[in-house]
Amino acid sequence: MAVQNTLAPKKEIKNKNEIVFNANGTQVKLTPDTVKNYLVSGDKDKVTMQEVVMFMNLCKFNGLNPWLKEAYLIKYGNEPATIVAGKDAFTKRAEGNPNFDGYKAGLILTDENMEELTYREGSFKLPNEVLVGGYAEVYRKDRDHSYRAEVTFEEYAGRKKDGSLNRQWANKPTTMIRKVALVQALREAFPGTLGGMYSPEEQGVEEPIDVPYVEQPQQETQINAQQPSVEGQYEQQSFVQENPADTLFGNQ
């Protein structure tokens, strides 16, 4: 009778639905369960498999590390989830491009009589000034012109259902509108790197503050060998289905 050596090291069991990618030199591992349990802001029980897969897709193909708050999956009630990238993800990506040559960003203000516009770099505003928008200008070493964005406050201010400003826009309006202008100018300057990425401020939602930094959970999950991997679904670009769980996990 053969005797099994119980002291032999266990082989690591690979989760078939795990994707592994590099984000700024860091290896990131994601599975649908990991996203649902750790990375959904709001109602994680309401998030759909399609939304989870779309979030994983955004992170993988844009090299975003959600553990460092570079990407968010926001879900409230039965409304469609909002999948966005944090402002730092935009600036990090831009700084990683050898042609990046800095930027300026600030506020568009006017006086109480709305007679004259003032462009002020930064986020400082006097009590008697009226905030009407934000601006940003991004420079590239390989271009003889800059990329400039100007946005109006009323168009992008995040509001509740009753029309009042949400918490972040009410408490930090200058910071928020400056962010909107900056990410738009960065996206125009580097469309190949930042195209398709949008910030929470642009989408009218609050940037989550309830997603704590945690170490990536280590998982050893036994998965049926016949189940197709999430990574394979990305390669086929067929994750948007009527019932994405059928495609992802072979329930056909």
C-alpha atoms as a PDB file:
ATOM      1  CA  MET A   1       0.000   0.000   0.000  1.00  0.00           C
ATOM      2  CA  ALA A   2       1.355   3.367  -0.953  1.00  0.00           C
ATOM      3  CA  VAL A   3       1.828   5.792   1.920  1.00  0.00           C
ATOM      4  CA  GLN A   4       0.955   9.428   1.242  1.00  0.00           C
ATOM      5  CA  ASN A   5       3.425  11.942   2.592  1.00  0.00           C
ATOM      6  CA  THR A   6       1.214  14.355   4.537  1.00  0.00           C
ATOM      7  CA  LEU A   7       4.180  16.669   5.111  1.00  0.00           C
ATOM      8  CA  ALA A   8       4.589  17.470   1.422  1.00  0.00           C
ATOM      9  CA  PRO A   9       3.844  21.129   0.638  1.00  0.00           C
ATOM     10  CA  LYS A  10       0.369  21.787  -0.692  1.00  0.00           C
ATOM     11  CA  LYS A  11       0.071  22.934  -4.255  1.00  0.00           C
ATOM     12  CA  GLU A  12      -1.574  26.321  -4.612  1.00  0.00           C
ATOM     13  CA  ILE A  13      -4.990  25.889  -6.180  1.00  0.00           C
ATOM     14  CA  LYS A  14      -5.566  28.516  -8.857  1.00  0.00           C
ATOM     15  CA  ASN A  15      -8.979  30.098  -9.004  1.00  0.00           C
ATOM     16  CA  LYS A  16     -10.196  29.706 -12.573  1.00  0.00           C
ATOM     17  CA  ASN A  17     -12.133  32.968 -12.295  1.00  0.00           C
ATOM     18  CA  GLU A  18      -9.152  34.966 -11.061  1.00  0.00           C
ATOM     19  CA  ILE A  19      -7.489  37.604 -13.193  1.00  0.00           C
ATOM     20  CA  VAL A  20      -3.949  38.760 -12.502  1.00  0.00           C
ATOM     21  CA  PHE A  21      -2.468  41.930 -13.975  1.00  0.00           C
ATOM     22  CA  ASN A  22       0.144  44.583 -13.315  1.00  0.00           C
ATOM     23  CA  ALA A  23      -0.737  48.064 -12.048  1.00  0.00           C
ATOM     24  CA  ASN A  24       2.193  50.457 -11.694  1.00  0.00           C
ATOM     25  CA  GLY A  25       4.599  47.659 -10.850  1.00  0.00           C
ATOM     26  CA  THR A  26       2.229  45.906  -8.434  1.00  0.00           C
ATOM     27  CA  GLN A  27       0.601  42.552  -9.148  1.00  0.00           C
ATOM     28  CA  VAL A  28      -3.161  42.744  -8.642  1.00  0.00           C
ATOM     29  CA  LYS A  29      -5.413  39.691  -8.278  1.00  0.00           C
ATOM     30  CA  LEU A  30      -9.191  39.965  -8.599  1.00  0.00           C
ATOM     31  CA  THR A  31     -12.069  37.495  -8.582  1.00  0.00           C
ATOM     32  CA  PRO A  32     -15.823  38.198  -8.713  1.00  0.00           C
ATOM     33  CA  ASP A  33     -16.155  37.199  -5.046  1.00  0.00           C
ATOM     34  CA  THR A  34     -13.278  39.485  -4.041  1.00  0.00           C
ATOM     35  CA  VAL A  35     -14.864  42.425  -5.841  1.00  0.00           C
ATOM     36  CA  LYS A  36     -18.283  41.801  -4.272  1.00  0.00           C
ATOM     37  CA  ASN A  37     -16.920  41.313  -0.754  1.00  0.00           C
ATOM     38  CA  TYR A  38     -14.314  44.061  -0.631  1.00  0.00           C
ATOM     39  CA  LEU A  39     -14.573  46.566  -3.468  1.00  0.00           C
ATOM     40  CA  VAL A  40     -18.224  47.543  -3.894  1.00  0.00           C
ATOM     41  CA  SER A  41     -19.236  50.844  -2.359  1.00  0.00           C
ATOM     42  CA  GLY A  42     -22.898  50.992  -1.401  1.00  0.00           C
ATOM     43  CA  ASP A  43     -25.244  48.020  -1.796  1.00  0.00           C
ATOM     44  CA  LYS A  44     -22.937  45.109  -2.575  1.00  0.00           C
ATOM     45  CA  ASP A  45     -25.845  42.655  -2.453  1.00  0.00           C
ATOM     46  CA  LYS A  46     -27.477  44.478  -5.377  1.00  0.00           C
ATOM     47  CA  VAL A  47     -24.485  44.445  -7.731  1.00  0.00           C
ATOM     48  CA  THR A  48     -24.857  42.207 -10.796  1.00  0.00           C
ATOM     49  CA  MET A  49     -22.322  39.841 -12.302  1.00  0.00           C
ATOM     50  CA  GLN A  50     -22.207  41.956 -15.456  1.00  0.00           C
ATOM     51  CA  GLU A  51     -21.281  45.038 -13.409  1.00  0.00           C
ATOM     52  CA  VAL A  52     -18.607  43.106 -11.536  1.00  0.00           C
ATOM     53  CA  VAL A  53     -17.056  41.827 -14.745  1.00  0.00           C
ATOM     54  CA  MET A  54     -17.143  45.266 -16.340  1.00  0.00           C
ATOM     55  CA  PHE A  55     -15.330  46.644 -13.279  1.00  0.00           C
ATOM     56  CA  MET A  56     -12.687  43.912 -13.463  1.00  0.00           C
ATOM     57  CA  ASN A  57     -12.335  44.649 -17.165  1.00  0.00           C
ATOM     58  CA  LEU A  58     -11.769  48.372 -16.491  1.00  0.00           C
ATOM     59  CA  CYS A  59      -9.126  47.619 -13.867  1.00  0.00           C
ATOM     60  CA  LYS A  60      -7.255  45.066 -15.947  1.00  0.00           C
ATOM     61  CA  PHE A  61      -7.082  46.861 -19.261  1.00  0.00           C
ATOM     62  CA  ASN A  62      -6.347  50.259 -17.707  1.00  0.00           C
ATOM     63  CA  GLY A  63      -3.883  48.934 -15.138  1.00  0.00           C
ATOM     64  CA  LEU A  64      -5.849  50.320 -12.170  1.00  0.00           C
ATOM     65  CA  ASN A  65      -5.323  49.061  -8.631  1.00  0.00           C
ATOM     66  CA  PRO A  66      -8.685  49.231  -6.795  1.00  0.00           C
ATOM     67  CA  TRP A  67      -6.953  48.408  -3.491  1.00  0.00           C
ATOM     68  CA  LEU A  68      -5.262  51.819  -3.746  1.00  0.00           C
ATOM     69  CA  LYS A  69      -8.576  53.523  -4.624  1.00  0.00           C
ATOM     70  CA  GLU A  70      -7.657  53.999  -8.263  1.00  0.00           C
ATOM     71  CA  ALA A  71     -11.023  52.584  -9.363  1.00  0.00           C
ATOM     72  CA  TYR A  72     -14.477  52.370  -7.777  1.00  0.00           C
ATOM     73  CA  LEU A  73     -17.579  50.235  -8.258  1.00  0.00           C
ATOM     74  CA  ILE A  74     -20.488  52.212  -6.796  1.00  0.00           C
ATOM     75  CA  LYS A  75     -23.926  50.632  -6.444  1.00  0.00           C
ATOM     76  CA  TYR A  76     -27.049  52.074  -4.833  1.00  0.00           C
ATOM     77  CA  GLY A  77     -30.346  50.199  -4.884  1.00  0.00           C
ATOM     78  CA  ASN A  78     -31.466  48.945  -8.273  1.00  0.00           C
ATOM     79  CA  GLU A  79     -29.845  51.804 -10.189  1.00  0.00           C
ATOM     80  CA  PRO A  80     -27.105  50.813 -12.674  1.00  0.00           C
ATOM     81  CA  ALA A  81     -23.689  50.697 -11.044  1.00  0.00           C
ATOM     82  CA  THR A  82     -21.247  53.532 -11.650  1.00  0.00           C
ATOM     83  CA  ILE A  83     -17.727  52.382 -12.556  1.00  0.00           C
ATOM     84  CA  VAL A  84     -15.159  55.163 -12.320  1.00  0.00           C
ATOM     85  CA  ALA A  85     -11.470  55.907 -11.799  1.00  0.00           C
ATOM     86  CA  GLY A  86     -10.086  58.169  -9.082  1.00  0.00           C
ATOM     87  CA  LYS A  87      -8.343  61.444  -9.957  1.00  0.00           C
ATOM     88  CA  ASP A  88      -4.973  60.058  -8.831  1.00  0.00           C
ATOM     89  CA  ALA A  89      -5.247  57.356 -11.478  1.00  0.00           C
ATOM     90  CA  PHE A  90      -5.402  60.072 -14.145  1.00  0.00           C
ATOM     91  CA  THR A  91      -2.436  62.028 -12.808  1.00  0.00           C
ATOM     92  CA  LYS A  92      -0.305  58.913 -12.260  1.00  0.00           C
ATOM     93  CA  ARG A  93      -0.951  57.735 -15.796  1.00  0.00           C
ATOM     94  CA  ALA A  94      -0.137  61.138 -17.243  1.00  0.00           C
ATOM     95  CA  GLU A  95       3.072  61.445 -15.217  1.00  0.00           C
ATOM     96  CA  GLY A  96       4.140  58.036 -16.485  1.00  0.00           C
ATOM     97  CA  ASN A  97       4.082  59.285 -20.071  1.00  0.00           C
ATOM     98  CA  PRO A  98       7.527  60.591 -21.176  1.00  0.00           C
ATOM     99  CA  ASN A  99       5.826  63.448 -23.053  1.00  0.00           C
ATOM    100  CA  PHE A 100       3.973  64.778 -20.005  1.00  0.00           C
ATOM    101  CA  ASP A 101       5.104  68.333 -19.196  1.00  0.00           C
ATOM    102  CA  GLY A 102       2.903  69.375 -16.287  1.00  0.00           C
ATOM    103  CA  TYR A 103      -0.454  71.099 -15.885  1.00  0.00           C
ATOM    104  CA  LYS A 104      -2.292  74.023 -14.338  1.00  0.00           C
ATOM    105  CA  ALA A 105      -5.765  73.779 -12.861  1.00  0.00           C
ATOM    106  CA  GLY A 106      -8.032  76.136 -10.993  1.00  0.00           C
ATOM    107  CA  LEU A 107     -11.331  77.954 -10.661  1.00  0.00           C
ATOM    108  CA  ILE A 108     -13.445  80.264 -12.776  1.00  0.00           C
ATOM    109  CA  LEU A 109     -14.938  82.919 -10.465  1.00  0.00           C
ATOM    110  CA  THR A 110     -16.989  86.067 -10.799  1.00  0.00           C
ATOM    111  CA  ASP A 111     -18.161  88.864  -8.536  1.00  0.00           C
ATOM    112  CA  GLU A 112     -21.602  89.262  -7.045  1.00  0.00           C
ATOM    113  CA  ASN A 113     -22.733  91.328 -10.030  1.00  0.00           C
ATOM    114  CA  MET A 114     -21.531  88.705 -12.553  1.00  0.00           C
ATOM    115  CA  GLU A 115     -19.594  91.409 -14.421  1.00  0.00           C
ATOM    116  CA  GLU A 116     -16.117  89.899 -14.784  1.00  0.00           C
ATOM    117  CA  LEU A 117     -14.571  86.429 -14.799  1.00  0.00           C
ATOM    118  CA  THR A 118     -11.461  85.598 -12.786  1.00  0.00           C
ATOM    119  CA  TYR A 119      -9.267  82.554 -13.481  1.00  0.00           C
ATOM    120  CA  ARG A 120      -7.411  81.513 -10.333  1.00  0.00           C
ATOM    121  CA  GLU A 121      -5.048  78.573 -10.104  1.00  0.00           C
ATOM    122  CA  GLY A 122      -5.721  76.234  -7.206  1.00  0.00           C
ATOM    123  CA  SER A 123      -8.950  75.918  -5.180  1.00  0.00           C
ATOM    124  CA  PHE A 124      -9.044  79.155  -3.175  1.00  0.00           C
ATOM    125  CA  LYS A 125     -12.232  81.221  -3.213  1.00  0.00           C
ATOM    126  CA  LEU A 126     -13.213  84.318  -1.242  1.00  0.00           C
ATOM    127  CA  PRO A 127     -16.624  84.404   0.510  1.00  0.00           C
ATOM    128  CA  ASN A 128     -17.917  87.212  -1.711  1.00  0.00           C
ATOM    129  CA  GLU A 129     -16.917  85.463  -4.955  1.00  0.00           C
ATOM    130  CA  VAL A 130     -19.255  83.293  -7.004  1.00  0.00           C
ATOM    131  CA  LEU A 131     -17.955  79.949  -8.267  1.00  0.00           C
ATOM    132  CA  VAL A 132     -19.061  79.408 -11.858  1.00  0.00           C
ATOM    133  CA  GLY A 133     -16.643  76.733 -13.110  1.00  0.00           C
ATOM    134  CA  GLY A 134     -13.196  75.218 -13.296  1.00  0.00           C
ATOM    135  CA  TYR A 135     -10.386  75.085 -15.824  1.00  0.00           C
ATOM    136  CA  ALA A 136      -7.254  73.041 -16.507  1.00  0.00           C
ATOM    137  CA  GLU A 137      -4.411  73.168 -19.006  1.00  0.00           C
ATOM    138  CA  VAL A 138      -2.159  70.189 -19.722  1.00  0.00           C
ATOM    139  CA  TYR A 139       1.187  70.380 -21.514  1.00  0.00           C
ATOM    140  CA  ARG A 140       3.004  67.823 -23.645  1.00  0.00           C
ATOM    141  CA  LYS A 141       6.649  68.001 -24.683  1.00  0.00           C
ATOM    142  CA  ASP A 142       5.846  66.735 -28.179  1.00  0.00           C
ATOM    143  CA  ARG A 143       3.086  69.302 -28.913  1.00  0.00           C
ATOM    144  CA  ASP A 144       3.325  72.981 -29.731  1.00  0.00           C
ATOM    145  CA  HIS A 145      -0.017  73.650 -28.056  1.00  0.00           C
ATOM    146  CA  SER A 146      -1.602  72.836 -24.713  1.00  0.00           C
ATOM    147  CA  TYR A 147      -4.852  70.977 -24.020  1.00  0.00           C
ATOM    148  CA  ARG A 148      -7.311  73.143 -22.137  1.00  0.00           C
ATOM    149  CA  ALA A 149     -10.671  72.317 -20.568  1.00  0.00           C
ATOM    150  CA  GLU A 150     -13.194  74.713 -19.035  1.00  0.00           C
ATOM    151  CA  VAL A 151     -16.294  73.341 -17.298  1.00  0.00           C
ATOM    152  CA  THR A 152     -19.294  74.994 -15.666  1.00  0.00           C
ATOM    153  CA  PHE A 153     -20.253  74.308 -12.070  1.00  0.00           C
ATOM    154  CA  GLU A 154     -23.971  73.891 -12.776  1.00  0.00           C
ATOM    155  CA  GLU A 155     -23.368  71.203 -15.397  1.00  0.00           C
ATOM    156  CA  TYR A 156     -21.300  68.909 -13.195  1.00  0.00           C
ATOM    157  CA  ALA A 157     -22.340  69.621  -9.590  1.00  0.00           C
ATOM    158  CA  GLY A 158     -23.531  66.369  -8.019  1.00  0.00           C
ATOM    159  CA  ARG A 159     -27.052  66.612  -6.684  1.00  0.00           C
ATOM    160  CA  LYS A 160     -29.495  64.535  -4.681  1.00  0.00           C
ATOM    161  CA  LYS A 161     -32.937  63.585  -5.944  1.00  0.00           C
ATOM    162  CA  ASP A 162     -34.406  66.698  -4.319  1.00  0.00           C
ATOM    163  CA  GLY A 163     -32.048  68.919  -6.324  1.00  0.00           C
ATOM    164  CA  SER A 164     -29.783  69.928  -3.442  1.00  0.00           C
ATOM    165  CA  LEU A 165     -26.022  69.414  -3.662  1.00  0.00           C
ATOM    166  CA  ASN A 166     -24.709  66.118  -2.361  1.00  0.00           C
ATOM    167  CA  ARG A 167     -22.327  66.137   0.605  1.00  0.00           C
ATOM    168  CA  GLN A 168     -19.028  66.387  -1.251  1.00  0.00           C
ATOM    169  CA  TRP A 169     -20.170  69.071  -3.693  1.00  0.00           C
ATOM    170  CA  ALA A 170     -21.757  71.072  -0.852  1.00  0.00           C
ATOM    171  CA  ASN A 171     -18.679  70.863   1.397  1.00  0.00           C
ATOM    172  CA  LYS A 172     -15.889  71.071  -1.203  1.00  0.00           C
ATOM    173  CA  PRO A 173     -17.289  72.676  -4.352  1.00  0.00           C
ATOM    174  CA  THR A 174     -14.001  74.276  -5.445  1.00  0.00           C
ATOM    175  CA  THR A 175     -12.043  71.046  -5.068  1.00  0.00           C
ATOM    176  CA  MET A 176     -14.657  69.056  -6.958  1.00  0.00           C
ATOM    177  CA  ILE A 177     -15.041  71.331 -10.000  1.00  0.00           C
ATOM    178  CA  ARG A 178     -11.246  71.663 -10.298  1.00  0.00           C
ATOM    179  CA  LYS A 179     -11.013  67.851 -10.433  1.00  0.00           C
ATOM    180  CA  VAL A 180     -13.574  67.685 -13.235  1.00  0.00           C
ATOM    181  CA  ALA A 181     -11.649  70.181 -15.354  1.00  0.00           C
ATOM    182  CA  LEU A 182      -8.328  68.461 -14.693  1.00  0.00           C
ATOM    183  CA  VAL A 183      -9.368  64.934 -15.628  1.00  0.00           C
ATOM    184  CA  GLN A 184     -11.030  66.210 -18.804  1.00  0.00           C
ATOM    185  CA  ALA A 185      -7.888  68.072 -19.898  1.00  0.00           C
ATOM    186  CA  LEU A 186      -5.700  65.055 -19.068  1.00  0.00           C
ATOM    187  CA  ARG A 187      -7.975  62.744 -21.063  1.00  0.00           C
ATOM    188  CA  GLU A 188      -7.832  65.041 -24.087  1.00  0.00           C
ATOM    189  CA  ALA A 189      -4.042  65.287 -23.848  1.00  0.00           C
ATOM    190  CA  PHE A 190      -3.523  61.518 -23.490  1.00  0.00           C
ATOM    191  CA  PRO A 191      -6.492  59.793 -25.168  1.00  0.00           C
ATOM    192  CA  GLY A 192      -4.563  56.579 -25.810  1.00  0.00           C
ATOM    193  CA  THR A 193      -3.826  56.203 -22.104  1.00  0.00           C
ATOM    194  CA  LEU A 194      -6.883  57.717 -20.452  1.00  0.00           C
ATOM    195  CA  GLY A 195      -9.647  57.319 -23.036  1.00  0.00           C
ATOM    196  CA  GLY A 196     -12.709  55.597 -21.611  1.00  0.00           C
ATOM    197  CA  MET A 197     -11.861  56.472 -18.003  1.00  0.00           C
ATOM    198  CA  TYR A 198     -14.156  58.831 -16.082  1.00  0.00           C
ATOM    199  CA  SER A 199     -14.003  60.202 -12.555  1.00  0.00           C
ATOM    200  CA  PRO A 200     -16.771  60.142  -9.911  1.00  0.00           C
ATOM    201  CA  GLU A 201     -17.028  63.928 -10.110  1.00  0.00           C
ATOM    202  CA  GLU A 202     -17.829  63.785 -13.840  1.00  0.00           C
ATOM    203  CA  GLN A 203     -20.564  61.216 -13.248  1.00  0.00           C
ATOM    204  CA  GLY A 204     -22.285  63.209 -10.502  1.00  0.00           C
ATOM    205  CA  VAL A 205     -21.592  60.648  -7.768  1.00  0.00           C
ATOM    206  CA  GLU A 206     -19.647  60.993  -4.552  1.00  0.00           C
ATOM    207  CA  GLU A 207     -16.166  59.501  -4.386  1.00  0.00           C
ATOM    208  CA  PRO A 208     -16.528  56.632  -1.920  1.00  0.00           C
ATOM    209  CA  ILE A 209     -14.930  57.067   1.481  1.00  0.00           C
ATOM    210  CA  ASP A 210     -16.185  53.753   2.893  1.00  0.00           C
ATOM    211  CA  VAL A 211     -13.774  51.532   0.942  1.00  0.00           C
ATOM    212  CA  PRO A 212     -10.858  51.039   3.353  1.00  0.00           C
ATOM    213  CA  TYR A 213      -7.361  50.094   2.275  1.00  0.00           C
ATOM    214  CA  VAL A 214      -6.865  46.385   2.903  1.00  0.00           C
ATOM    215  CA  GLU A 215      -4.273  43.890   1.807  1.00  0.00           C
ATOM    216  CA  GLN A 216      -5.335  41.795  -1.150  1.00  0.00           C
ATOM    217  CA  PRO A 217      -7.040  38.705   0.314  1.00  0.00           C
ATOM    218  CA  GLN A 218      -5.263  35.434  -0.338  1.00  0.00           C
ATOM    219  CA  GLN A 219      -7.591  32.813  -1.762  1.00  0.00           C
ATOM    220  CA  GLU A 220      -7.275  29.089  -2.338  1.00  0.00           C
ATOM    221  CA  THR A 221     -10.580  28.164  -3.936  1.00  0.00           C
ATOM    222  CA  GLN A 222     -11.328  24.903  -5.715  1.00  0.00           C
ATOM    223  CA  ILE A 223     -13.033  25.683  -9.034  1.00  0.00           C
ATOM    224  CA  ASN A 224     -14.512  23.192 -11.454  1.00  0.00           C
ATOM    225  CA  ALA A 225     -11.943  22.670 -14.218  1.00  0.00           C
ATOM    226  CA  GLN A 226     -14.661  22.900 -16.870  1.00  0.00           C
ATOM    227  CA  GLN A 227     -15.592  26.457 -15.927  1.00  0.00           C
ATOM    228  CA  PRO A 228     -14.161  29.077 -18.304  1.00  0.00           C
ATOM    229  CA  SER A 229     -12.002  31.764 -16.711  1.00  0.00           C
ATOM    230  CA  VAL A 230     -12.962  35.404 -16.414  1.00  0.00           C
ATOM    231  CA  GLU A 231      -9.682  36.227 -18.164  1.00  0.00           C
ATOM    232  CA  GLY A 232     -10.738  34.107 -21.106  1.00  0.00           C
ATOM    233  CA  GLN A 233     -13.980  36.043 -21.301  1.00  0.00           C
ATOM    234  CA  TYR A 234     -12.041  39.295 -21.465  1.00  0.00           C
ATOM    235  CA  GLU A 235      -9.980  38.006 -24.354  1.00  0.00           C
ATOM    236  CA  GLN A 236     -13.184  37.148 -26.231  1.00  0.00           C
ATOM    237  CA  GLN A 237     -14.711  40.539 -25.272  1.00  0.00           C
ATOM    238  CA  SER A 238     -18.061  38.831 -24.717  1.00  0.00           C
ATOM    239  CA  PHE A 239     -18.774  39.811 -21.144  1.00  0.00           C
ATOM    240  CA  VAL A 240     -21.857  41.932 -21.945  1.00  0.00           C
ATOM    241  CA  GLN A 241     -24.650  39.411 -22.143  1.00  0.00           C
ATOM    242  CA  GLU A 242     -28.277  39.233 -21.099  1.00  0.00           C
ATOM    243  CA  ASN A 243     -27.177  36.920 -18.331  1.00  0.00           C
ATOM    244  CA  PRO A 244     -23.404  37.338 -17.962  1.00  0.00           C
ATOM    245  CA  ALA A 245     -23.189  34.595 -15.344  1.00  0.00           C
ATOM    246  CA  ASP A 246     -24.128  32.080 -18.052  1.00  0.00           C
ATOM    247  CA  THR A 247     -21.194  33.138 -20.204  1.00  0.00           C
ATOM    248  CA  LEU A 248     -18.722  33.479 -17.361  1.00  0.00           C
ATOM    249  CA  PHE A 249     -19.375  30.244 -15.575  1.00  0.00           C
ATOM    250  CA  GLY A 250     -20.684  27.949 -18.269  1.00  0.00           C
ATOM    251  CA  ASN A 251     -24.332  27.851 -17.172  1.00  0.00           C
ATOM    252  CA  GLN A 252     -25.724  27.358 -20.660  1.00  0.00           C
END
